Amino acid sequence: MTNPAKQEAQARKADQELLFKGIAIALIGAVILLGPYFARSPAVQELLTGGQVVGWFALVLGIAFLGQYFLRRRARR
C-alpha cells in the first residue's frame, strides 16, 4: 500500500519541477527572440536572428509546461 501523504508530496514535487521547467524554458525562448534587439555586435545579432525558430519553439514549449502546471494545480483543488 502507498501512503497518501507520500503521494501528495511526490505530486507537489513533480508540479514544482514542471513550474520551474516552464519558467526556465519560456525565459530562454524570450531571450532568444528579444536578443537581436539588444545585442550590440552585428555578429551576435545575426546569430540570434538565425535562432528565431528555436526561440519560438522554446517559448511555446515553456508556456505549454506552465499551462500543464496550472491545470494540474486546479484539478488538485
PDB file of N, CA and C in Angstrom:
ATOM      1  N   MET A   1       0.834  -1.174   0.000  1.00  0.00           N
ATOM      2  CA  MET A   1       0.000   0.000   0.000  1.00  0.00           C
ATOM      3  C   MET A   1       0.887   1.248   0.000  1.00  0.00           C
ATOM      4  N   THR A   2       0.390   2.259  -0.654  1.00  0.00           N
ATOM      5  CA  THR A   2       1.135   3.510  -0.699  1.00  0.00           C
ATOM      6  C   THR A   2       0.532   4.501   0.275  1.00  0.00           C
ATOM      7  N   ASN A   3       1.376   5.314   0.784  1.00  0.00           N
ATOM      8  CA  ASN A   3       0.979   6.319   1.759  1.00  0.00           C
ATOM      9  C   ASN A   3       0.421   7.544   1.028  1.00  0.00           C
ATOM     10  N   PRO A   4      -0.811   7.982   1.330  1.00  0.00           N
ATOM     11  CA  PRO A   4      -1.393   9.152   0.637  1.00  0.00           C
ATOM     12  C   PRO A   4      -0.574  10.427   0.833  1.00  0.00           C
ATOM     13  N   ALA A   5       0.015  10.595   2.004  1.00  0.00           N
ATOM     14  CA  ALA A   5       0.828  11.788   2.251  1.00  0.00           C
ATOM     15  C   ALA A   5       2.073  11.776   1.367  1.00  0.00           C
ATOM     16  N   LYS A   6       2.642  10.595   1.192  1.00  0.00           N
ATOM     17  CA  LYS A   6       3.833  10.474   0.343  1.00  0.00           C
ATOM     18  C   LYS A   6       3.480  10.739  -1.118  1.00  0.00           C
ATOM     19  N   GLN A   7       2.318  10.255  -1.558  1.00  0.00           N
ATOM     20  CA  GLN A   7       1.868  10.503  -2.923  1.00  0.00           C
ATOM     21  C   GLN A   7       1.636  11.996  -3.149  1.00  0.00           C
ATOM     22  N   GLU A   8       1.050  12.646  -2.163  1.00  0.00           N
ATOM     23  CA  GLU A   8       0.800  14.080  -2.266  1.00  0.00           C
ATOM     24  C   GLU A   8       2.115  14.849  -2.354  1.00  0.00           C
ATOM     25  N   ALA A   9       3.095  14.453  -1.564  1.00  0.00           N
ATOM     26  CA  ALA A   9       4.402  15.112  -1.596  1.00  0.00           C
ATOM     27  C   ALA A   9       5.079  14.906  -2.945  1.00  0.00           C
ATOM     28  N   GLN A  10       4.971  13.716  -3.500  1.00  0.00           N
ATOM     29  CA  GLN A  10       5.558  13.447  -4.809  1.00  0.00           C
ATOM     30  C   GLN A  10       4.856  14.252  -5.892  1.00  0.00           C
ATOM     31  N   ALA A  11       3.540  14.390  -5.788  1.00  0.00           N
ATOM     32  CA  ALA A  11       2.786  15.168  -6.766  1.00  0.00           C
ATOM     33  C   ALA A  11       3.174  16.645  -6.699  1.00  0.00           C
ATOM     34  N   ARG A  12       3.336  17.148  -5.491  1.00  0.00           N
ATOM     35  CA  ARG A  12       3.750  18.548  -5.331  1.00  0.00           C
ATOM     36  C   ARG A  12       5.149  18.777  -5.899  1.00  0.00           C
ATOM     37  N   LYS A  13       6.046  17.824  -5.654  1.00  0.00           N
ATOM     38  CA  LYS A  13       7.409  17.946  -6.172  1.00  0.00           C
ATOM     39  C   LYS A  13       7.393  17.930  -7.700  1.00  0.00           C
ATOM     40  N   ALA A  14       6.614  17.047  -8.297  1.00  0.00           N
ATOM     41  CA  ALA A  14       6.506  16.985  -9.751  1.00  0.00           C
ATOM     42  C   ALA A  14       5.923  18.280 -10.304  1.00  0.00           C
ATOM     43  N   ASP A  15       4.939  18.838  -9.627  1.00  0.00           N
ATOM     44  CA  ASP A  15       4.343  20.103 -10.060  1.00  0.00           C
ATOM     45  C   ASP A  15       5.358  21.243  -9.989  1.00  0.00           C
ATOM     46  N   GLN A  16       6.142  21.283  -8.919  1.00  0.00           N
ATOM     47  CA  GLN A  16       7.143  22.334  -8.777  1.00  0.00           C
ATOM     48  C   GLN A  16       8.216  22.222  -9.853  1.00  0.00           C
ATOM     49  N   GLU A  17       8.605  20.996 -10.201  1.00  0.00           N
ATOM     50  CA  GLU A  17       9.582  20.798 -11.268  1.00  0.00           C
ATOM     51  C   GLU A  17       9.007  21.257 -12.606  1.00  0.00           C
ATOM     52  N   LEU A  18       7.727  20.996 -12.843  1.00  0.00           N
ATOM     53  CA  LEU A  18       7.069  21.425 -14.065  1.00  0.00           C
ATOM     54  C   LEU A  18       7.021  22.953 -14.140  1.00  0.00           C
ATOM     55  N   LEU A  19       6.733  23.589 -13.025  1.00  0.00           N
ATOM     56  CA  LEU A  19       6.708  25.048 -12.964  1.00  0.00           C
ATOM     57  C   LEU A  19       8.087  25.622 -13.268  1.00  0.00           C
ATOM     58  N   PHE A  20       9.119  25.060 -12.658  1.00  0.00           N
ATOM     59  CA  PHE A  20      10.488  25.539 -12.878  1.00  0.00           C
ATOM     60  C   PHE A  20      10.898  25.381 -14.342  1.00  0.00           C
ATOM     61  N   LYS A  21      10.618  24.215 -14.909  1.00  0.00           N
ATOM     62  CA  LYS A  21      10.969  23.977 -16.312  1.00  0.00           C
ATOM     63  C   LYS A  21      10.224  24.938 -17.229  1.00  0.00           C
ATOM     64  N   GLY A  22       8.948  25.152 -16.959  1.00  0.00           N
ATOM     65  CA  GLY A  22       8.161  26.056 -17.785  1.00  0.00           C
ATOM     66  C   GLY A  22       8.699  27.471 -17.767  1.00  0.00           C
ATOM     67  N   ILE A  23       9.017  27.968 -16.589  1.00  0.00           N
ATOM     68  CA  ILE A  23       9.554  29.321 -16.469  1.00  0.00           C
ATOM     69  C   ILE A  23      10.912  29.425 -17.149  1.00  0.00           C
ATOM     70  N   ALA A  24      11.781  28.452 -16.897  1.00  0.00           N
ATOM     71  CA  ALA A  24      13.129  28.495 -17.460  1.00  0.00           C
ATOM     72  C   ALA A  24      13.098  28.436 -18.987  1.00  0.00           C
ATOM     73  N   ILE A  25      12.327  27.528 -19.545  1.00  0.00           N
ATOM     74  CA  ILE A  25      12.285  27.377 -20.993  1.00  0.00           C
ATOM     75  C   ILE A  25      11.634  28.592 -21.651  1.00  0.00           C
ATOM     76  N   ALA A  26      10.579  29.122 -21.045  1.00  0.00           N
ATOM     77  CA  ALA A  26       9.932  30.313 -21.599  1.00  0.00           C
ATOM     78  C   ALA A  26      10.881  31.516 -21.561  1.00  0.00           C
ATOM     79  N   LEU A  27      11.654  31.650 -20.504  1.00  0.00           N
ATOM     80  CA  LEU A  27      12.618  32.743 -20.423  1.00  0.00           C
ATOM     81  C   LEU A  27      13.717  32.594 -21.474  1.00  0.00           C
ATOM     82  N   ILE A  28      14.187  31.376 -21.684  1.00  0.00           N
ATOM     83  CA  ILE A  28      15.199  31.142 -22.715  1.00  0.00           C
ATOM     84  C   ILE A  28      14.649  31.531 -24.081  1.00  0.00           C
ATOM     85  N   GLY A  29      13.422  31.127 -24.359  1.00  0.00           N
ATOM     86  CA  GLY A  29      12.803  31.494 -25.627  1.00  0.00           C
ATOM     87  C   GLY A  29      12.673  32.998 -25.784  1.00  0.00           C
ATOM     88  N   ALA A  30      12.253  33.678 -24.726  1.00  0.00           N
ATOM     89  CA  ALA A  30      12.104  35.132 -24.780  1.00  0.00           C
ATOM     90  C   ALA A  30      13.445  35.817 -25.001  1.00  0.00           C
ATOM     91  N   VAL A  31      14.480  35.327 -24.362  1.00  0.00           N
ATOM     92  CA  VAL A  31      15.817  35.910 -24.537  1.00  0.00           C
ATOM     93  C   VAL A  31      16.293  35.722 -25.973  1.00  0.00           C
ATOM     94  N   ILE A  32      16.067  34.550 -26.528  1.00  0.00           N
ATOM     95  CA  ILE A  32      16.477  34.304 -27.914  1.00  0.00           C
ATOM     96  C   ILE A  32      15.706  35.212 -28.868  1.00  0.00           C
ATOM     97  N   LEU A  33      14.415  35.397 -28.622  1.00  0.00           N
ATOM     98  CA  LEU A  33      13.610  36.241 -29.508  1.00  0.00           C
ATOM     99  C   LEU A  33      13.922  37.726 -29.363  1.00  0.00           C
ATOM    100  N   LEU A  34      14.198  38.172 -28.167  1.00  0.00           N
ATOM    101  CA  LEU A  34      14.464  39.588 -27.932  1.00  0.00           C
ATOM    102  C   LEU A  34      15.944  39.951 -28.059  1.00  0.00           C
ATOM    103  N   GLY A  35      16.805  38.961 -28.081  1.00  0.00           N
ATOM    104  CA  GLY A  35      18.244  39.193 -28.134  1.00  0.00           C
ATOM    105  C   GLY A  35      18.729  40.061 -29.280  1.00  0.00           C
ATOM    106  N   PRO A  36      18.243  39.849 -30.502  1.00  0.00           N
ATOM    107  CA  PRO A  36      18.741  40.683 -31.616  1.00  0.00           C
ATOM    108  C   PRO A  36      18.479  42.177 -31.425  1.00  0.00           C
ATOM    109  N   TYR A  37      17.461  42.535 -30.674  1.00  0.00           N
ATOM    110  CA  TYR A  37      17.143  43.943 -30.465  1.00  0.00           C
ATOM    111  C   TYR A  37      18.053  44.609 -29.432  1.00  0.00           C
ATOM    112  N   PHE A  38      18.695  43.812 -28.608  1.00  0.00           N
ATOM    113  CA  PHE A  38      19.545  44.363 -27.560  1.00  0.00           C
ATOM    114  C   PHE A  38      21.031  44.092 -27.779  1.00  0.00           C
ATOM    115  N   ALA A  39      21.372  43.216 -28.705  1.00  0.00           N
ATOM    116  CA  ALA A  39      22.774  42.888 -28.964  1.00  0.00           C
ATOM    117  C   ALA A  39      23.445  44.052 -29.687  1.00  0.00           C
ATOM    118  N   ARG A  40      24.648  44.353 -29.301  1.00  0.00           N
ATOM    119  CA  ARG A  40      25.375  45.467 -29.911  1.00  0.00           C
ATOM    120  C   ARG A  40      26.195  44.998 -31.104  1.00  0.00           C
ATOM    121  N   SER A  41      26.696  43.800 -31.034  1.00  0.00           N
ATOM    122  CA  SER A  41      27.543  43.274 -32.094  1.00  0.00           C
ATOM    123  C   SER A  41      26.687  42.768 -33.259  1.00  0.00           C
ATOM    124  N   PRO A  42      27.020  43.159 -34.476  1.00  0.00           N
ATOM    125  CA  PRO A  42      26.265  42.650 -35.637  1.00  0.00           C
ATOM    126  C   PRO A  42      26.361  41.125 -35.773  1.00  0.00           C
ATOM    127  N   ALA A  43      27.479  40.556 -35.373  1.00  0.00           N
ATOM    128  CA  ALA A  43      27.627  39.101 -35.454  1.00  0.00           C
ATOM    129  C   ALA A  43      26.674  38.411 -34.492  1.00  0.00           C
ATOM    130  N   VAL A  44      26.527  38.942 -33.299  1.00  0.00           N
ATOM    131  CA  VAL A  44      25.611  38.367 -32.313  1.00  0.00           C
ATOM    132  C   VAL A  44      24.168  38.580 -32.758  1.00  0.00           C
ATOM    133  N   GLN A  45      23.875  39.729 -33.325  1.00  0.00           N
ATOM    134  CA  GLN A  45      22.533  39.991 -33.843  1.00  0.00           C
ATOM    135  C   GLN A  45      22.166  38.979 -34.924  1.00  0.00           C
ATOM    136  N   GLU A  46      23.108  38.731 -35.832  1.00  0.00           N
ATOM    137  CA  GLU A  46      22.866  37.775 -36.910  1.00  0.00           C
ATOM    138  C   GLU A  46      22.675  36.363 -36.359  1.00  0.00           C
ATOM    139  N   LEU A  47      23.478  36.000 -35.379  1.00  0.00           N
ATOM    140  CA  LEU A  47      23.373  34.677 -34.762  1.00  0.00           C
ATOM    141  C   LEU A  47      22.012  34.492 -34.104  1.00  0.00           C
ATOM    142  N   LEU A  48      21.591  35.471 -33.346  1.00  0.00           N
ATOM    143  CA  LEU A  48      20.312  35.362 -32.645  1.00  0.00           C
ATOM    144  C   LEU A  48      19.128  35.451 -33.603  1.00  0.00           C
ATOM    145  N   THR A  49      19.264  36.225 -34.668  1.00  0.00           N
ATOM    146  CA  THR A  49      18.198  36.291 -35.661  1.00  0.00           C
ATOM    147  C   THR A  49      18.015  34.940 -36.336  1.00  0.00           C
ATOM    148  N   GLY A  50      19.100  34.217 -36.538  1.00  0.00           N
ATOM    149  CA  GLY A  50      19.021  32.884 -37.134  1.00  0.00           C
ATOM    150  C   GLY A  50      18.363  31.869 -36.220  1.00  0.00           C
ATOM    151  N   GLY A  51      18.253  32.160 -34.952  1.00  0.00           N
ATOM    152  CA  GLY A  51      17.654  31.239 -33.991  1.00  0.00           C
ATOM    153  C   GLY A  51      16.209  31.553 -33.664  1.00  0.00           C
ATOM    154  N   GLN A  52      15.529  32.289 -34.513  1.00  0.00           N
ATOM    155  CA  GLN A  52      14.146  32.669 -34.247  1.00  0.00           C
ATOM    156  C   GLN A  52      13.223  31.456 -34.100  1.00  0.00           C
ATOM    157  N   VAL A  53      13.421  30.449 -34.931  1.00  0.00           N
ATOM    158  CA  VAL A  53      12.571  29.256 -34.854  1.00  0.00           C
ATOM    159  C   VAL A  53      12.768  28.567 -33.498  1.00  0.00           C
ATOM    160  N   VAL A  54      14.008  28.488 -33.076  1.00  0.00           N
ATOM    161  CA  VAL A  54      14.308  27.869 -31.776  1.00  0.00           C
ATOM    162  C   VAL A  54      13.697  28.693 -30.645  1.00  0.00           C
ATOM    163  N   GLY A  55      13.772  30.002 -30.768  1.00  0.00           N
ATOM    164  CA  GLY A  55      13.198  30.871 -29.746  1.00  0.00           C
ATOM    165  C   GLY A  55      11.696  30.708 -29.635  1.00  0.00           C
ATOM    166  N   TRP A  56      11.013  30.653 -30.765  1.00  0.00           N
ATOM    167  CA  TRP A  56       9.559  30.456 -30.736  1.00  0.00           C
ATOM    168  C   TRP A  56       9.200  29.092 -30.173  1.00  0.00           C
ATOM    169  N   PHE A  57       9.963  28.066 -30.566  1.00  0.00           N
ATOM    170  CA  PHE A  57       9.697  26.723 -30.047  1.00  0.00           C
ATOM    171  C   PHE A  57       9.856  26.690 -28.532  1.00  0.00           C
ATOM    172  N   ALA A  58      10.937  27.285 -28.030  1.00  0.00           N
ATOM    173  CA  ALA A  58      11.171  27.298 -26.584  1.00  0.00           C
ATOM    174  C   ALA A  58      10.082  28.076 -25.855  1.00  0.00           C
ATOM    175  N   LEU A  59       9.675  29.197 -26.417  1.00  0.00           N
ATOM    176  CA  LEU A  59       8.638  29.999 -25.776  1.00  0.00           C
ATOM    177  C   LEU A  59       7.314  29.237 -25.709  1.00  0.00           C
ATOM    178  N   VAL A  60       6.920  28.618 -26.818  1.00  0.00           N
ATOM    179  CA  VAL A  60       5.662  27.859 -26.839  1.00  0.00           C
ATOM    180  C   VAL A  60       5.749  26.652 -25.903  1.00  0.00           C
ATOM    181  N   LEU A  61       6.881  25.965 -25.896  1.00  0.00           N
ATOM    182  CA  LEU A  61       7.048  24.813 -25.010  1.00  0.00           C
ATOM    183  C   LEU A  61       6.984  25.230 -23.539  1.00  0.00           C
ATOM    184  N   GLY A  62       7.625  26.325 -23.206  1.00  0.00           N
ATOM    185  CA  GLY A  62       7.581  26.821 -21.834  1.00  0.00           C
ATOM    186  C   GLY A  62       6.171  27.199 -21.409  1.00  0.00           C
ATOM    187  N   ILE A  63       5.436  27.849 -22.299  1.00  0.00           N
ATOM    188  CA  ILE A  63       4.049  28.210 -21.994  1.00  0.00           C
ATOM    189  C   ILE A  63       3.187  26.964 -21.845  1.00  0.00           C
ATOM    190  N   ALA A  64       3.461  25.941 -22.653  1.00  0.00           N
ATOM    191  CA  ALA A  64       2.711  24.679 -22.525  1.00  0.00           C
ATOM    192  C   ALA A  64       2.985  24.020 -21.172  1.00  0.00           C
ATOM    193  N   PHE A  65       4.240  24.033 -20.730  1.00  0.00           N
ATOM    194  CA  PHE A  65       4.556  23.481 -19.409  1.00  0.00           C
ATOM    195  C   PHE A  65       3.848  24.259 -18.312  1.00  0.00           C
ATOM    196  N   LEU A  66       3.824  25.578 -18.433  1.00  0.00           N
ATOM    197  CA  LEU A  66       3.131  26.396 -17.431  1.00  0.00           C
ATOM    198  C   LEU A  66       1.633  26.119 -17.442  1.00  0.00           C
ATOM    199  N   GLY A  67       1.069  25.952 -18.621  1.00  0.00           N
ATOM    200  CA  GLY A  67      -0.349  25.609 -18.712  1.00  0.00           C
ATOM    201  C   GLY A  67      -0.643  24.270 -18.060  1.00  0.00           C
ATOM    202  N   GLN A  68       0.224  23.302 -18.283  1.00  0.00           N
ATOM    203  CA  GLN A  68       0.055  21.991 -17.662  1.00  0.00           C
ATOM    204  C   GLN A  68       0.143  22.100 -16.139  1.00  0.00           C
ATOM    205  N   TYR A  69       1.072  22.925 -15.662  1.00  0.00           N
ATOM    206  CA  TYR A  69       1.205  23.129 -14.219  1.00  0.00           C
ATOM    207  C   TYR A  69      -0.092  23.692 -13.632  1.00  0.00           C
ATOM    208  N   PHE A  70      -0.643  24.730 -14.270  1.00  0.00           N
ATOM    209  CA  PHE A  70      -1.858  25.356 -13.734  1.00  0.00           C
ATOM    210  C   PHE A  70      -3.068  24.434 -13.844  1.00  0.00           C
ATOM    211  N   LEU A  71      -3.137  23.627 -14.887  1.00  0.00           N
ATOM    212  CA  LEU A  71      -4.224  22.655 -14.991  1.00  0.00           C
ATOM    213  C   LEU A  71      -4.140  21.597 -13.890  1.00  0.00           C
ATOM    214  N   ARG A  72      -2.942  21.112 -13.634  1.00  0.00           N
ATOM    215  CA  ARG A  72      -2.768  20.119 -12.551  1.00  0.00           C
ATOM    216  C   ARG A  72      -3.116  20.722 -11.205  1.00  0.00           C
ATOM    217  N   ARG A  73      -2.662  21.952 -10.988  1.00  0.00           N
ATOM    218  CA  ARG A  73      -2.928  22.613  -9.710  1.00  0.00           C
ATOM    219  C   ARG A  73      -4.429  22.827  -9.501  1.00  0.00           C
ATOM    220  N   ARG A  74      -5.110  23.210 -10.573  1.00  0.00           N
ATOM    221  CA  ARG A  74      -6.556  23.434 -10.483  1.00  0.00           C
ATOM    222  C   ARG A  74      -7.308  22.122 -10.250  1.00  0.00           C
ATOM    223  N   ALA A  75      -6.857  21.057 -10.876  1.00  0.00           N
ATOM    224  CA  ALA A  75      -7.522  19.759 -10.732  1.00  0.00           C
ATOM    225  C   ALA A  75      -7.341  19.196  -9.325  1.00  0.00           C
ATOM    226  N   ARG A  76      -6.249  19.536  -8.684  1.00  0.00           N
ATOM    227  CA  ARG A  76      -5.981  19.015  -7.344  1.00  0.00           C
ATOM    228  C   ARG A  76      -6.838  19.695  -6.286  1.00  0.00           C
ATOM    229  N   ARG A  77      -7.349  20.876  -6.555  1.00  0.00           N
ATOM    230  CA  ARG A  77      -8.155  21.608  -5.569  1.00  0.00           C
ATOM    231  C   ARG A  77      -9.535  21.095  -5.476  1.00  0.00           C
TER     232      ARG A  77
END
